[in-house]
Amino acid sequence: MRVSKWLHFRKKTKIIQWKTWDVEFLKFQLKSLREDVRLQYDNIKEQKIKNDTIKELIQYVGIDEAKKRISLGPDALFNIDKSTKLSLNENEKQQVKDFEIISQNMQTDLTQLEQRMIVIDKQIEEAETNLENFYSLLKMLKLYISHDKK
């Protein structure tokens, strides 16, 4: 192999290696971002469950009893007769409406975060595909250089 040809492919090998490092870094950043979004999603989902629990408590046992039961956490809804809802006063009705609005907003946030995670997952897949292609190309270039030297 001529020296100029060897240098050309040697340079190509280095460029592909640098691109590989860039994509590996990008993949690392995307995975970190994905984890942050997932944690945010989990946090909002947990808050939504609490919000919905409080709303249900107010509907079935009233606001005073709901305040007592909230400390029970997820168990707050056990032993409640859900066949009939209480006749709520205006304050309790407003509280239920407020909790419904909050719940709807949280659901919107959850949907947006789900979509964001899907996009990030696709970007990670794309980075992995690019890495596989770069690794294959590097192998081919190194094989070509070593084979053509002989």
Protein backbone atom coordinates (compact mmCIF):
# COMPACT_ATOMS: atom_id res chain seq x y z
CA MET A 1 0.00 0.00 0.00
CA ARG A 2 1.28 3.41 -0.86
CA VAL A 3 2.05 5.70 2.02
CA SER A 4 -0.50 8.33 0.93
CA LYS A 5 -3.24 5.70 0.72
CA TRP A 6 -2.24 4.26 4.08
CA LEU A 7 -2.28 7.74 5.65
CA HIS A 8 -5.68 8.46 4.13
CA PHE A 9 -7.27 5.34 5.66
CA ARG A 10 -5.42 5.84 8.91
CA LYS A 11 -6.90 9.34 9.11
CA LYS A 12 -10.38 7.96 8.31
CA THR A 13 -9.96 5.44 11.13
CA LYS A 14 -9.17 8.23 13.61
CA ILE A 15 -12.13 10.31 12.43
CA ILE A 16 -14.50 7.37 12.85
CA GLN A 17 -13.05 6.71 16.31
CA TRP A 18 -13.67 10.34 17.30
CA LYS A 19 -17.23 10.15 16.00
CA THR A 20 -17.70 6.96 17.99
CA TRP A 21 -16.60 8.73 21.17
CA ASP A 22 -19.02 11.59 20.43
CA VAL A 23 -21.94 9.20 19.99
CA GLU A 24 -20.98 7.27 23.14
CA PHE A 25 -21.04 10.56 25.05
CA LEU A 26 -24.39 11.50 23.49
CA LYS A 27 -25.83 8.10 24.46
CA PHE A 28 -24.61 8.57 28.04
CA GLN A 29 -26.23 12.03 28.19
CA LEU A 30 -29.50 10.72 26.75
CA LYS A 31 -29.65 7.90 29.30
CA SER A 32 -29.05 10.39 32.09
CA LEU A 33 -31.79 12.66 30.73
CA ARG A 34 -34.14 9.67 30.39
CA GLU A 35 -33.58 8.78 34.03
CA ASP A 36 -34.30 12.36 35.13
CA VAL A 37 -37.55 12.37 33.14
CA ARG A 38 -38.53 8.98 34.58
CA LEU A 39 -37.95 10.21 38.12
CA GLN A 40 -40.06 13.28 37.41
CA TYR A 41 -42.77 11.03 35.93
CA ASP A 42 -42.73 8.74 38.98
CA ASN A 43 -42.93 11.73 41.33
CA ILE A 44 -45.92 13.26 39.54
CA LYS A 45 -47.65 9.88 39.31
CA GLU A 46 -47.24 9.40 43.07
CA GLN A 47 -48.60 12.90 43.72
CA LYS A 48 -51.56 12.21 41.43
CA ILE A 49 -52.40 9.04 43.35
CA LYS A 50 -52.34 11.00 46.62
CA ASN A 51 -54.44 13.76 45.06
CA ASP A 52 -57.02 11.27 43.77
CA THR A 53 -57.13 9.53 47.15
CA ILE A 54 -57.84 12.79 48.97
CA LYS A 55 -60.52 13.70 46.42
CA GLU A 56 -62.24 10.34 46.91
CA LEU A 57 -62.01 10.64 50.67
CA ILE A 58 -63.73 14.02 50.61
CA GLN A 59 -66.48 12.63 48.37
CA TYR A 60 -67.20 9.62 50.58
CA VAL A 61 -66.45 10.72 54.14
CA GLY A 62 -66.32 14.53 54.07
CA ILE A 63 -63.44 16.88 54.60
CA ASP A 64 -63.14 16.51 58.38
CA GLU A 65 -62.93 12.70 58.28
CA ALA A 66 -60.65 12.91 55.21
CA LYS A 67 -58.13 14.99 57.18
CA LYS A 68 -58.06 12.27 59.85
CA ARG A 69 -57.62 9.45 57.32
CA ILE A 70 -54.94 11.10 55.14
CA SER A 71 -52.22 10.03 57.56
CA LEU A 72 -53.08 6.40 56.73
CA GLY A 73 -51.70 6.87 53.21
CA PRO A 74 -52.95 4.38 50.60
CA ASP A 75 -54.94 2.58 53.30
CA ALA A 76 -57.11 5.68 53.75
CA LEU A 77 -59.69 4.35 51.28
CA PHE A 78 -60.17 1.00 53.01
CA ASN A 79 -63.40 0.37 54.89
CA ILE A 80 -65.28 3.12 53.09
CA ASP A 81 -68.76 2.56 51.76
CA LYS A 82 -68.40 3.66 48.14
CA SER A 83 -71.98 2.83 47.23
CA THR A 84 -73.17 6.28 48.25
CA LYS A 85 -71.45 9.61 48.18
CA LEU A 86 -72.02 12.19 50.88
CA SER A 87 -74.03 15.29 50.32
CA LEU A 88 -71.17 17.77 50.27
CA ASN A 89 -71.27 21.36 51.46
CA GLU A 90 -70.04 24.15 49.16
CA ASN A 91 -66.53 24.12 50.60
CA GLU A 92 -66.21 20.36 50.05
CA LYS A 93 -67.62 20.63 46.52
CA GLN A 94 -65.06 23.30 45.70
CA GLN A 95 -62.29 21.15 47.19
CA VAL A 96 -63.35 18.19 45.01
CA LYS A 97 -63.40 20.42 41.91
CA ASP A 98 -59.96 21.77 42.76
CA PHE A 99 -58.59 18.25 43.19
CA GLU A 100 -60.14 17.24 39.85
CA ILE A 101 -58.45 20.17 38.08
CA ILE A 102 -55.13 19.33 39.70
CA SER A 103 -55.56 15.69 38.71
CA GLN A 104 -56.29 16.63 35.09
CA ASN A 105 -53.21 18.88 35.00
CA MET A 106 -51.09 16.10 36.44
CA GLN A 107 -52.44 13.66 33.85
CA THR A 108 -51.48 16.12 31.10
CA ASP A 109 -47.98 16.38 32.58
CA LEU A 110 -47.73 12.57 32.76
CA THR A 111 -48.76 12.23 29.12
CA GLN A 112 -46.17 14.81 28.06
CA LEU A 113 -43.46 13.06 30.07
CA GLU A 114 -44.42 9.70 28.54
CA GLN A 115 -44.07 11.21 25.06
CA ARG A 116 -40.74 12.74 26.03
CA MET A 117 -39.46 9.35 27.25
CA ILE A 118 -40.53 7.75 23.97
CA VAL A 119 -38.59 10.37 22.00
CA ILE A 120 -35.52 9.93 24.19
CA ASP A 121 -35.75 6.13 23.85
CA LYS A 122 -35.80 6.50 20.05
CA GLN A 123 -32.76 8.78 20.22
CA ILE A 124 -30.93 6.21 22.35
CA GLU A 125 -31.80 3.46 19.84
CA GLU A 126 -30.53 5.66 17.02
CA ALA A 127 -27.28 6.30 18.88
CA GLU A 128 -26.85 2.55 19.48
CA THR A 129 -27.42 1.86 15.78
CA ASN A 130 -24.86 4.52 14.86
CA LEU A 131 -22.37 3.01 17.28
CA GLU A 132 -22.83 -0.44 15.79
CA ASN A 133 -22.26 1.00 12.32
CA PHE A 134 -19.16 2.90 13.44
CA TYR A 135 -17.73 -0.20 15.14
CA SER A 136 -18.30 -2.22 11.96
CA LEU A 137 -16.72 0.45 9.81
CA LEU A 138 -13.73 0.67 12.14
CA LYS A 139 -13.26 -3.10 11.92
CA MET A 140 -13.44 -2.97 8.13
CA LEU A 141 -10.95 -0.09 7.90
CA LYS A 142 -8.48 -1.74 10.27
CA LEU A 143 -8.79 -5.02 8.40
CA TYR A 144 -8.28 -3.26 5.08
CA ILE A 145 -5.24 -1.38 6.34
CA SER A 146 -3.65 -4.48 7.86
CA HIS A 147 -4.51 -6.64 4.83
CA ASP A 148 -3.28 -4.15 2.28
CA LYS A 149 0.04 -3.67 4.14
CA LYS A 150 1.07 -7.21 3.34
